[in-house]
Amino acid sequence: MANKLFIMLQNTTPSSPHTLGAPFFQAAAAATMDYEVEVVLTADAGLLMKKGVAKNLRVKEGSPKSVYDFIKDAYDAGVVFKVCTPALELNDITKDDLIEECSGVVGGAYVVEMVMDDNVKTLSY
C-alpha cells in the first residue's frame, strides 16, 4: 500500500475559487490520517502560493474562511507545499513572493518522478 499522497494542482486556479476547497481539505484529511502528503502547484494554480492571493479568495461567497485558511490548515496538519518552476515564470513570481507555507520550487521531472513512484498515489485537480 502506498504511504504518500501527491496532489497536483494545475486546473484549479484563483479564477475559480469554488474549486479550491476540495484539494486542500483532502490534503489535510490525508495528513491527519498519517499519510505523507505533498501538493505541487503549477501553471496558474501556482498563483495560490503568492503572498496575498489566497487570502483574498473564498471558496463560497460570504464565507469567513479564505482559501489561505484552507492552505494553513493543511500545512498545520503536515502537508508540504511546493510550486513548479513554470508557475513562477508564467506569472512573474519570485521566490521572495512565496507564502511561508511553500517549502520550495520543483521542475517537471520531479512531478513525473512522483507520479511514477509505486509508493505514491496521485490526485490531480
N, C-alpha and C. Protein backbone atom coordinates (compact mmCIF):
# COMPACT_ATOMS: atom_id res chain seq x y z
N MET A 1 0.84 -1.18 0.00
CA MET A 1 0.00 0.00 0.00
C MET A 1 0.89 1.25 0.00
N ALA A 2 0.46 2.23 -0.76
CA ALA A 2 1.21 3.48 -0.84
C ALA A 2 1.15 4.22 0.49
N ASN A 3 2.23 4.93 0.79
CA ASN A 3 2.27 5.70 2.04
C ASN A 3 2.33 7.20 1.79
N LYS A 4 2.26 7.60 0.52
CA LYS A 4 2.36 9.02 0.21
C LYS A 4 1.26 9.40 -0.79
N LEU A 5 0.69 10.57 -0.56
CA LEU A 5 -0.28 11.14 -1.48
C LEU A 5 0.34 12.37 -2.12
N PHE A 6 0.35 12.39 -3.43
CA PHE A 6 0.87 13.51 -4.21
C PHE A 6 -0.32 14.18 -4.88
N ILE A 7 -0.51 15.45 -4.60
CA ILE A 7 -1.61 16.20 -5.20
C ILE A 7 -1.04 17.25 -6.13
N MET A 8 -1.51 17.22 -7.36
CA MET A 8 -1.06 18.15 -8.39
C MET A 8 -2.20 19.13 -8.69
N LEU A 9 -1.94 20.41 -8.46
CA LEU A 9 -2.93 21.43 -8.80
C LEU A 9 -2.46 22.18 -10.04
N GLN A 10 -3.26 22.09 -11.09
CA GLN A 10 -2.96 22.77 -12.33
C GLN A 10 -4.19 23.50 -12.86
N ASN A 11 -5.34 22.86 -12.78
CA ASN A 11 -6.56 23.42 -13.35
C ASN A 11 -7.44 24.12 -12.33
N THR A 12 -7.14 23.94 -11.05
CA THR A 12 -7.85 24.68 -10.00
C THR A 12 -7.06 25.96 -9.77
N THR A 13 -7.67 27.07 -10.10
CA THR A 13 -6.93 28.33 -10.12
C THR A 13 -7.67 29.42 -9.36
N PRO A 14 -7.00 30.52 -9.07
CA PRO A 14 -7.67 31.63 -8.39
C PRO A 14 -8.90 32.15 -9.14
N SER A 15 -8.97 31.94 -10.44
CA SER A 15 -10.13 32.42 -11.20
C SER A 15 -11.37 31.54 -10.97
N SER A 16 -11.20 30.39 -10.32
CA SER A 16 -12.32 29.50 -9.99
C SER A 16 -12.25 29.11 -8.52
N PRO A 17 -12.43 30.05 -7.61
CA PRO A 17 -12.22 29.77 -6.20
C PRO A 17 -13.11 28.66 -5.64
N HIS A 18 -14.28 28.46 -6.23
CA HIS A 18 -15.18 27.41 -5.73
C HIS A 18 -14.58 26.00 -5.90
N THR A 19 -13.54 25.87 -6.71
CA THR A 19 -12.90 24.57 -6.92
C THR A 19 -11.73 24.32 -5.98
N LEU A 20 -11.43 25.27 -5.12
CA LEU A 20 -10.20 25.20 -4.34
C LEU A 20 -10.34 24.54 -2.97
N GLY A 21 -11.52 24.36 -2.48
CA GLY A 21 -11.69 23.77 -1.16
C GLY A 21 -11.29 22.30 -1.11
N ALA A 22 -11.77 21.51 -2.05
CA ALA A 22 -11.56 20.06 -2.02
C ALA A 22 -10.09 19.66 -1.99
N PRO A 23 -9.23 20.18 -2.85
CA PRO A 23 -7.84 19.72 -2.81
C PRO A 23 -7.14 19.97 -1.49
N PHE A 24 -7.36 21.14 -0.90
CA PHE A 24 -6.71 21.46 0.36
C PHE A 24 -7.32 20.70 1.53
N PHE A 25 -8.64 20.52 1.50
CA PHE A 25 -9.31 19.75 2.53
C PHE A 25 -8.86 18.29 2.48
N GLN A 26 -8.81 17.71 1.29
CA GLN A 26 -8.39 16.31 1.16
C GLN A 26 -6.93 16.13 1.53
N ALA A 27 -6.11 17.10 1.22
CA ALA A 27 -4.70 17.03 1.63
C ALA A 27 -4.60 17.02 3.15
N ALA A 28 -5.33 17.90 3.81
CA ALA A 28 -5.31 17.95 5.27
C ALA A 28 -5.85 16.66 5.87
N ALA A 29 -6.93 16.13 5.30
CA ALA A 29 -7.50 14.89 5.81
C ALA A 29 -6.50 13.74 5.71
N ALA A 30 -5.84 13.62 4.57
CA ALA A 30 -4.85 12.56 4.38
C ALA A 30 -3.69 12.70 5.36
N ALA A 31 -3.26 13.92 5.61
CA ALA A 31 -2.16 14.16 6.54
C ALA A 31 -2.57 13.76 7.96
N THR A 32 -3.81 14.04 8.33
CA THR A 32 -4.25 13.65 9.67
C THR A 32 -4.43 12.15 9.79
N MET A 33 -4.50 11.46 8.65
CA MET A 33 -4.57 10.00 8.63
C MET A 33 -3.17 9.39 8.59
N ASP A 34 -2.17 10.20 8.83
CA ASP A 34 -0.76 9.79 8.90
C ASP A 34 -0.15 9.40 7.55
N TYR A 35 -0.70 9.92 6.46
CA TYR A 35 -0.05 9.77 5.17
C TYR A 35 0.89 10.95 4.96
N GLU A 36 1.96 10.70 4.26
CA GLU A 36 2.83 11.79 3.82
C GLU A 36 2.11 12.45 2.65
N VAL A 37 1.96 13.75 2.70
CA VAL A 37 1.19 14.46 1.66
C VAL A 37 2.01 15.62 1.12
N GLU A 38 2.04 15.68 -0.19
CA GLU A 38 2.74 16.77 -0.87
C GLU A 38 1.83 17.35 -1.95
N VAL A 39 1.74 18.66 -1.99
CA VAL A 39 0.95 19.36 -3.01
C VAL A 39 1.90 20.19 -3.85
N VAL A 40 1.84 19.98 -5.17
CA VAL A 40 2.62 20.80 -6.10
C VAL A 40 1.65 21.58 -6.96
N LEU A 41 1.89 22.87 -7.06
CA LEU A 41 1.04 23.75 -7.85
C LEU A 41 1.82 24.24 -9.06
N THR A 42 1.16 24.18 -10.22
CA THR A 42 1.81 24.63 -11.44
C THR A 42 0.85 25.47 -12.26
N ALA A 43 1.36 26.05 -13.33
CA ALA A 43 0.59 26.96 -14.18
C ALA A 43 -0.07 28.03 -13.31
N ASP A 44 -1.32 28.41 -13.60
CA ASP A 44 -1.96 29.49 -12.85
C ASP A 44 -2.31 29.10 -11.41
N ALA A 45 -2.39 27.80 -11.12
CA ALA A 45 -2.61 27.36 -9.74
C ALA A 45 -1.46 27.83 -8.85
N GLY A 46 -0.29 27.99 -9.42
CA GLY A 46 0.87 28.47 -8.68
C GLY A 46 0.67 29.84 -8.06
N LEU A 47 -0.25 30.62 -8.61
CA LEU A 47 -0.55 31.93 -8.04
C LEU A 47 -1.01 31.83 -6.59
N LEU A 48 -1.55 30.68 -6.20
CA LEU A 48 -2.02 30.49 -4.83
C LEU A 48 -0.88 30.48 -3.82
N MET A 49 0.32 30.28 -4.30
CA MET A 49 1.48 30.31 -3.42
C MET A 49 2.08 31.71 -3.31
N LYS A 50 1.52 32.66 -4.05
CA LYS A 50 2.00 34.04 -3.98
C LYS A 50 1.33 34.76 -2.82
N LYS A 51 2.13 35.47 -2.04
CA LYS A 51 1.62 36.20 -0.89
C LYS A 51 0.42 37.07 -1.28
N GLY A 52 -0.64 36.97 -0.49
CA GLY A 52 -1.81 37.82 -0.66
C GLY A 52 -2.89 37.27 -1.57
N VAL A 53 -2.56 36.37 -2.48
CA VAL A 53 -3.56 35.90 -3.45
C VAL A 53 -4.63 35.06 -2.76
N ALA A 54 -4.25 34.00 -2.07
CA ALA A 54 -5.23 33.09 -1.45
C ALA A 54 -5.99 33.75 -0.31
N LYS A 55 -5.40 34.76 0.33
CA LYS A 55 -6.08 35.46 1.43
C LYS A 55 -7.32 36.19 0.94
N ASN A 56 -7.34 36.56 -0.32
CA ASN A 56 -8.45 37.33 -0.87
C ASN A 56 -9.49 36.47 -1.57
N LEU A 57 -9.36 35.15 -1.48
CA LEU A 57 -10.29 34.24 -2.16
C LEU A 57 -11.15 33.48 -1.16
N ARG A 58 -12.39 33.26 -1.51
CA ARG A 58 -13.32 32.46 -0.71
C ARG A 58 -13.86 31.35 -1.60
N VAL A 59 -13.92 30.13 -1.05
CA VAL A 59 -14.50 29.00 -1.79
C VAL A 59 -15.98 29.27 -2.04
N LYS A 60 -16.62 29.86 -1.04
CA LYS A 60 -18.03 30.22 -1.16
C LYS A 60 -18.18 31.68 -0.76
N GLU A 61 -18.89 32.42 -1.56
CA GLU A 61 -19.09 33.83 -1.28
C GLU A 61 -19.68 34.02 0.11
N GLY A 62 -19.11 34.94 0.86
CA GLY A 62 -19.58 35.23 2.20
C GLY A 62 -18.95 34.37 3.29
N SER A 63 -18.17 33.39 2.91
CA SER A 63 -17.53 32.53 3.91
C SER A 63 -16.48 33.31 4.68
N PRO A 64 -16.40 33.10 5.99
CA PRO A 64 -15.36 33.79 6.76
C PRO A 64 -13.98 33.17 6.54
N LYS A 65 -13.95 31.97 5.98
CA LYS A 65 -12.69 31.25 5.79
C LYS A 65 -12.15 31.49 4.38
N SER A 66 -10.91 31.95 4.30
CA SER A 66 -10.29 32.18 2.99
C SER A 66 -9.62 30.91 2.49
N VAL A 67 -9.27 30.91 1.23
CA VAL A 67 -8.51 29.80 0.66
C VAL A 67 -7.17 29.67 1.39
N TYR A 68 -6.60 30.80 1.78
CA TYR A 68 -5.35 30.75 2.55
C TYR A 68 -5.56 30.01 3.88
N ASP A 69 -6.72 30.16 4.50
CA ASP A 69 -7.02 29.43 5.72
C ASP A 69 -7.02 27.91 5.46
N PHE A 70 -7.54 27.50 4.31
CA PHE A 70 -7.50 26.08 3.94
C PHE A 70 -6.05 25.62 3.76
N ILE A 71 -5.25 26.45 3.13
CA ILE A 71 -3.83 26.12 2.94
C ILE A 71 -3.14 25.99 4.30
N LYS A 72 -3.39 26.95 5.19
CA LYS A 72 -2.77 26.90 6.52
C LYS A 72 -3.21 25.66 7.30
N ASP A 73 -4.49 25.30 7.21
CA ASP A 73 -4.98 24.09 7.89
C ASP A 73 -4.23 22.86 7.40
N ALA A 74 -4.07 22.76 6.09
CA ALA A 74 -3.36 21.61 5.51
C ALA A 74 -1.89 21.63 5.95
N TYR A 75 -1.28 22.78 5.90
CA TYR A 75 0.12 22.92 6.31
C TYR A 75 0.30 22.53 7.78
N ASP A 76 -0.60 22.99 8.61
CA ASP A 76 -0.54 22.67 10.04
C ASP A 76 -0.73 21.17 10.30
N ALA A 77 -1.43 20.50 9.39
CA ALA A 77 -1.64 19.05 9.50
C ALA A 77 -0.42 18.27 9.02
N GLY A 78 0.53 18.97 8.36
CA GLY A 78 1.75 18.31 7.91
C GLY A 78 1.93 18.25 6.40
N VAL A 79 1.04 18.87 5.65
CA VAL A 79 1.15 18.86 4.19
C VAL A 79 2.32 19.75 3.76
N VAL A 80 3.07 19.27 2.78
CA VAL A 80 4.20 20.01 2.21
C VAL A 80 3.73 20.61 0.89
N PHE A 81 3.95 21.91 0.73
CA PHE A 81 3.57 22.62 -0.50
C PHE A 81 4.82 23.01 -1.27
N LYS A 82 4.75 22.80 -2.60
CA LYS A 82 5.81 23.24 -3.50
C LYS A 82 5.17 23.84 -4.73
N VAL A 83 5.92 24.67 -5.40
CA VAL A 83 5.44 25.28 -6.63
C VAL A 83 6.39 24.88 -7.76
N CYS A 84 5.82 24.71 -8.94
CA CYS A 84 6.60 24.29 -10.10
C CYS A 84 7.21 25.52 -10.79
N THR A 85 8.41 25.37 -11.26
CA THR A 85 9.14 26.47 -11.90
C THR A 85 8.32 27.19 -12.97
N PRO A 86 7.60 26.48 -13.87
CA PRO A 86 6.83 27.20 -14.88
C PRO A 86 5.78 28.15 -14.29
N ALA A 87 5.25 27.81 -13.13
CA ALA A 87 4.26 28.69 -12.50
C ALA A 87 4.89 30.03 -12.13
N LEU A 88 6.13 29.98 -11.67
CA LEU A 88 6.83 31.22 -11.34
C LEU A 88 7.09 32.03 -12.59
N GLU A 89 7.58 31.35 -13.62
CA GLU A 89 7.93 32.05 -14.86
C GLU A 89 6.71 32.62 -15.56
N LEU A 90 5.61 31.85 -15.61
CA LEU A 90 4.40 32.30 -16.30
C LEU A 90 3.75 33.50 -15.61
N ASN A 91 3.90 33.57 -14.31
CA ASN A 91 3.19 34.58 -13.53
C ASN A 91 4.10 35.63 -12.91
N ASP A 92 5.35 35.68 -13.37
CA ASP A 92 6.32 36.67 -12.86
C ASP A 92 6.38 36.68 -11.33
N ILE A 93 6.49 35.49 -10.75
CA ILE A 93 6.60 35.34 -9.30
C ILE A 93 8.05 35.02 -8.97
N THR A 94 8.57 35.66 -7.94
CA THR A 94 9.92 35.35 -7.48
C THR A 94 9.81 34.51 -6.21
N LYS A 95 10.90 33.90 -5.81
CA LYS A 95 10.90 33.11 -4.58
C LYS A 95 10.54 33.97 -3.37
N ASP A 96 10.90 35.25 -3.42
CA ASP A 96 10.57 36.16 -2.32
C ASP A 96 9.08 36.44 -2.22
N ASP A 97 8.34 36.18 -3.30
CA ASP A 97 6.90 36.42 -3.33
C ASP A 97 6.10 35.28 -2.70
N LEU A 98 6.74 34.15 -2.41
CA LEU A 98 6.02 32.96 -1.97
C LEU A 98 5.62 33.03 -0.50
N ILE A 99 4.45 32.44 -0.21
CA ILE A 99 3.99 32.37 1.17
C ILE A 99 4.92 31.46 1.97
N GLU A 100 4.94 31.63 3.27
CA GLU A 100 5.85 30.85 4.11
C GLU A 100 5.52 29.36 4.10
N GLU A 101 4.30 28.99 3.76
CA GLU A 101 3.91 27.58 3.73
C GLU A 101 4.49 26.84 2.52
N CYS A 102 4.99 27.58 1.54
CA CYS A 102 5.59 26.96 0.36
C CYS A 102 7.05 26.63 0.66
N SER A 103 7.38 25.35 0.60
CA SER A 103 8.72 24.93 1.03
C SER A 103 9.75 24.87 -0.10
N GLY A 104 9.33 25.07 -1.33
CA GLY A 104 10.34 25.03 -2.38
C GLY A 104 9.77 25.06 -3.78
N VAL A 105 10.69 25.02 -4.72
CA VAL A 105 10.38 25.07 -6.14
C VAL A 105 10.90 23.79 -6.78
N VAL A 106 10.06 23.17 -7.62
CA VAL A 106 10.44 21.93 -8.30
C VAL A 106 10.19 22.07 -9.80
N GLY A 107 10.79 21.16 -10.55
CA GLY A 107 10.61 21.15 -12.00
C GLY A 107 9.73 20.01 -12.46
N GLY A 108 9.54 19.95 -13.75
CA GLY A 108 8.68 18.93 -14.35
C GLY A 108 9.16 17.51 -14.10
N ALA A 109 10.46 17.29 -14.10
CA ALA A 109 10.99 15.94 -13.86
C ALA A 109 10.60 15.45 -12.47
N TYR A 110 10.56 16.34 -11.51
CA TYR A 110 10.16 15.97 -10.15
C TYR A 110 8.72 15.46 -10.13
N VAL A 111 7.85 16.15 -10.85
CA VAL A 111 6.44 15.76 -10.93
C VAL A 111 6.33 14.37 -11.55
N VAL A 112 7.02 14.12 -12.64
CA VAL A 112 6.98 12.81 -13.29
C VAL A 112 7.49 11.73 -12.34
N GLU A 113 8.55 12.02 -11.63
CA GLU A 113 9.11 11.07 -10.67
C GLU A 113 8.08 10.70 -9.60
N MET A 114 7.36 11.68 -9.08
CA MET A 114 6.34 11.41 -8.06
C MET A 114 5.23 10.53 -8.62
N VAL A 115 4.75 10.87 -9.80
CA VAL A 115 3.63 10.15 -10.40
C VAL A 115 4.01 8.70 -10.71
N MET A 116 5.25 8.46 -11.07
CA MET A 116 5.68 7.12 -11.46
C MET A 116 6.08 6.24 -10.28
N ASP A 117 6.19 6.80 -9.10
CA ASP A 117 6.63 6.05 -7.92
C ASP A 117 5.49 5.13 -7.45
N ASP A 118 5.79 3.84 -7.30
CA ASP A 118 4.79 2.86 -6.87
C ASP A 118 4.30 3.08 -5.44
N ASN A 119 5.05 3.82 -4.64
CA ASN A 119 4.66 4.08 -3.25
C ASN A 119 3.87 5.38 -3.10
N VAL A 120 3.49 5.95 -4.22
CA VAL A 120 2.78 7.24 -4.21
C VAL A 120 1.47 7.10 -4.98
N LYS A 121 0.41 7.63 -4.42
CA LYS A 121 -0.88 7.76 -5.13
C LYS A 121 -1.03 9.23 -5.49
N THR A 122 -1.61 9.48 -6.66
CA THR A 122 -1.70 10.84 -7.18
C THR A 122 -3.15 11.27 -7.38
N LEU A 123 -3.45 12.48 -6.94
CA LEU A 123 -4.70 13.15 -7.25
C LEU A 123 -4.33 14.40 -8.05
N SER A 124 -5.14 14.70 -9.04
CA SER A 124 -4.86 15.87 -9.86
C SER A 124 -6.13 16.72 -9.96
N TYR A 125 -5.96 18.00 -9.76
CA TYR A 125 -7.07 18.94 -9.83
C TYR A 125 -6.75 20.04 -10.80
